[in-house]
């Protein structure tokens, strides 16, 4: 059992719950009623669900790797890939928050903290486990 990967999986599951409980009503549902082009609304809906699938699959893979249901060699590659993705998500959110013209964006863009912590715990699990 790899405790670092399990901690990353628990944090990723909390992120999933937040994504579906908080972000869905705030982002997805409010954008559907916005005065945007229907194509733009459909694309935003698709992107939301792409991220949803990534978060759920990453959480499941982290749990499987943490419980050592996946061979060590595959755990190494999968966990590095997941860690890299979460780190890139964090960097991108920091970049968008820093350069956003609307200052309130910085206040609501706090997900990067979770993404960095998940990435660090995943890397610890890979390199110490």
Protein backbone atom coordinates (compact mmCIF):
# COMPACT_ATOMS: atom_id res chain seq x y z
CA UNK A 1 0.00 0.00 0.00
CA UNK A 2 1.37 3.37 -1.05
CA UNK A 3 0.15 5.96 1.45
CA UNK A 4 1.20 8.95 -0.69
CA UNK A 5 -0.83 7.75 -3.66
CA UNK A 6 -3.79 7.05 -1.38
CA UNK A 7 -3.60 10.58 0.06
CA UNK A 8 -3.47 11.94 -3.51
CA UNK A 9 -6.48 9.77 -4.38
CA UNK A 10 -8.48 11.05 -1.39
CA UNK A 11 -7.64 14.66 -2.32
CA UNK A 12 -8.55 13.93 -5.94
CA UNK A 13 -11.89 12.47 -4.82
CA UNK A 14 -12.57 15.65 -2.81
CA UNK A 15 -11.74 17.63 -5.93
CA UNK A 16 -14.21 15.48 -7.91
CA UNK A 17 -16.96 16.10 -5.39
CA UNK A 18 -16.24 19.83 -5.49
CA UNK A 19 -16.26 19.75 -9.27
CA UNK A 20 -19.69 18.14 -9.42
CA UNK A 21 -21.32 19.83 -6.42
CA UNK A 22 -19.91 23.36 -6.61
CA UNK A 23 -18.57 23.93 -10.11
CA UNK A 24 -21.41 22.33 -12.03
CA UNK A 25 -24.14 24.69 -10.79
CA UNK A 26 -21.87 27.74 -10.84
CA UNK A 27 -20.20 27.20 -14.18
CA UNK A 28 -22.11 24.81 -16.34
CA UNK A 29 -25.71 25.57 -15.43
CA UNK A 30 -25.27 29.34 -15.37
CA UNK A 31 -23.57 29.31 -18.77
CA UNK A 32 -26.51 27.48 -20.32
CA UNK A 33 -28.78 30.46 -19.58
CA UNK A 34 -26.16 33.01 -20.68
CA UNK A 35 -26.52 35.01 -23.85
CA UNK A 36 -23.83 33.11 -25.77
CA UNK A 37 -23.79 31.51 -29.16
CA UNK A 38 -25.32 27.99 -28.92
CA UNK A 39 -22.12 26.50 -30.34
CA UNK A 40 -20.07 28.14 -27.59
CA UNK A 41 -22.43 26.83 -24.92
CA UNK A 42 -22.17 23.31 -26.36
CA UNK A 43 -18.37 23.50 -26.45
CA UNK A 44 -18.21 24.70 -22.84
CA UNK A 45 -20.50 21.84 -21.87
CA UNK A 46 -18.20 19.36 -23.61
CA UNK A 47 -15.07 20.78 -21.98
CA UNK A 48 -16.71 20.57 -18.55
CA UNK A 49 -17.42 16.89 -19.11
CA UNK A 50 -13.92 16.23 -20.51
CA UNK A 51 -12.49 17.58 -17.27
CA UNK A 52 -15.05 15.57 -15.28
CA UNK A 53 -13.98 12.33 -16.95
CA UNK A 54 -10.31 13.11 -16.39
CA UNK A 55 -10.87 13.84 -12.70
CA UNK A 56 -12.90 10.68 -12.09
CA UNK A 57 -10.52 8.40 -14.02
CA UNK A 58 -7.46 9.94 -12.35
CA UNK A 59 -9.01 9.41 -8.93
CA UNK A 60 -9.80 5.77 -9.69
CA UNK A 61 -6.32 5.14 -11.07
CA UNK A 62 -4.69 6.77 -8.05
CA UNK A 63 -6.74 4.55 -5.73
CA UNK A 64 -5.84 1.45 -7.74
CA UNK A 65 -2.14 2.38 -7.76
CA UNK A 66 -2.17 3.29 -4.07
CA UNK A 67 -3.72 -0.06 -3.17
CA UNK A 68 -1.15 -1.75 -5.44
CA UNK A 69 -3.75 -3.29 -7.71
CA UNK A 70 -1.63 -2.09 -10.63
CA UNK A 71 1.90 -3.44 -11.21
CA UNK A 72 4.70 -1.13 -10.12
CA UNK A 73 5.95 -0.47 -13.65
CA UNK A 74 2.53 0.71 -14.84
CA UNK A 75 1.99 2.65 -11.61
CA UNK A 76 5.15 4.63 -12.33
CA UNK A 77 3.97 5.70 -15.79
CA UNK A 78 0.33 6.30 -14.87
CA UNK A 79 1.11 8.30 -11.73
CA UNK A 80 3.69 10.45 -13.50
CA UNK A 81 1.18 11.22 -16.24
CA UNK A 82 -1.52 12.13 -13.70
CA UNK A 83 0.91 14.24 -11.69
CA UNK A 84 2.01 16.12 -14.78
CA UNK A 85 -1.59 16.83 -15.78
CA UNK A 86 -2.54 18.15 -12.36
CA UNK A 87 0.59 20.32 -12.28
CA UNK A 88 -0.23 21.74 -15.72
CA UNK A 89 -3.81 22.43 -14.61
CA UNK A 90 -2.42 24.34 -11.62
CA UNK A 91 0.05 26.34 -13.69
CA UNK A 92 -2.63 27.21 -16.22
CA UNK A 93 -5.06 28.39 -13.52
CA UNK A 94 -2.38 30.52 -11.88
CA UNK A 95 -1.56 32.03 -15.28
CA UNK A 96 -5.20 32.78 -16.07
CA UNK A 97 -5.81 34.24 -12.60
CA UNK A 98 -2.73 36.42 -12.80
CA UNK A 99 -3.45 37.86 -16.24
CA UNK A 100 -7.25 38.05 -15.95
CA UNK A 101 -8.67 41.47 -16.56
CA UNK A 102 -11.42 40.84 -14.01
CA UNK A 103 -9.91 40.89 -10.52
CA UNK A 104 -12.66 38.69 -9.01
CA UNK A 105 -11.32 35.77 -11.07
CA UNK A 106 -8.32 35.55 -8.73
CA UNK A 107 -10.64 35.09 -5.79
CA UNK A 108 -12.52 32.12 -7.28
CA UNK A 109 -9.54 30.43 -8.93
CA UNK A 110 -8.28 28.48 -5.93
CA UNK A 111 -8.34 24.99 -7.44
CA UNK A 112 -4.67 25.23 -8.26
CA UNK A 113 -3.86 24.63 -4.59
CA UNK A 114 -5.55 21.22 -4.69
CA UNK A 115 -3.98 20.42 -8.05
CA UNK A 116 -0.47 21.15 -6.79
CA UNK A 117 -0.98 19.14 -3.60
CA UNK A 118 -2.33 16.17 -5.56
CA UNK A 119 0.59 16.41 -7.95
CA UNK A 120 3.17 16.56 -5.14
CA UNK A 121 1.66 13.60 -3.26
CA UNK A 122 1.53 11.63 -6.50
CA UNK A 123 5.20 12.36 -7.17
CA UNK A 124 6.08 11.38 -3.59
CA UNK A 125 4.21 8.13 -4.11
CA UNK A 126 6.07 7.42 -7.32
CA UNK A 127 9.54 8.20 -6.07
CA UNK A 128 9.33 6.84 -2.51
CA UNK A 129 7.00 3.88 -2.98
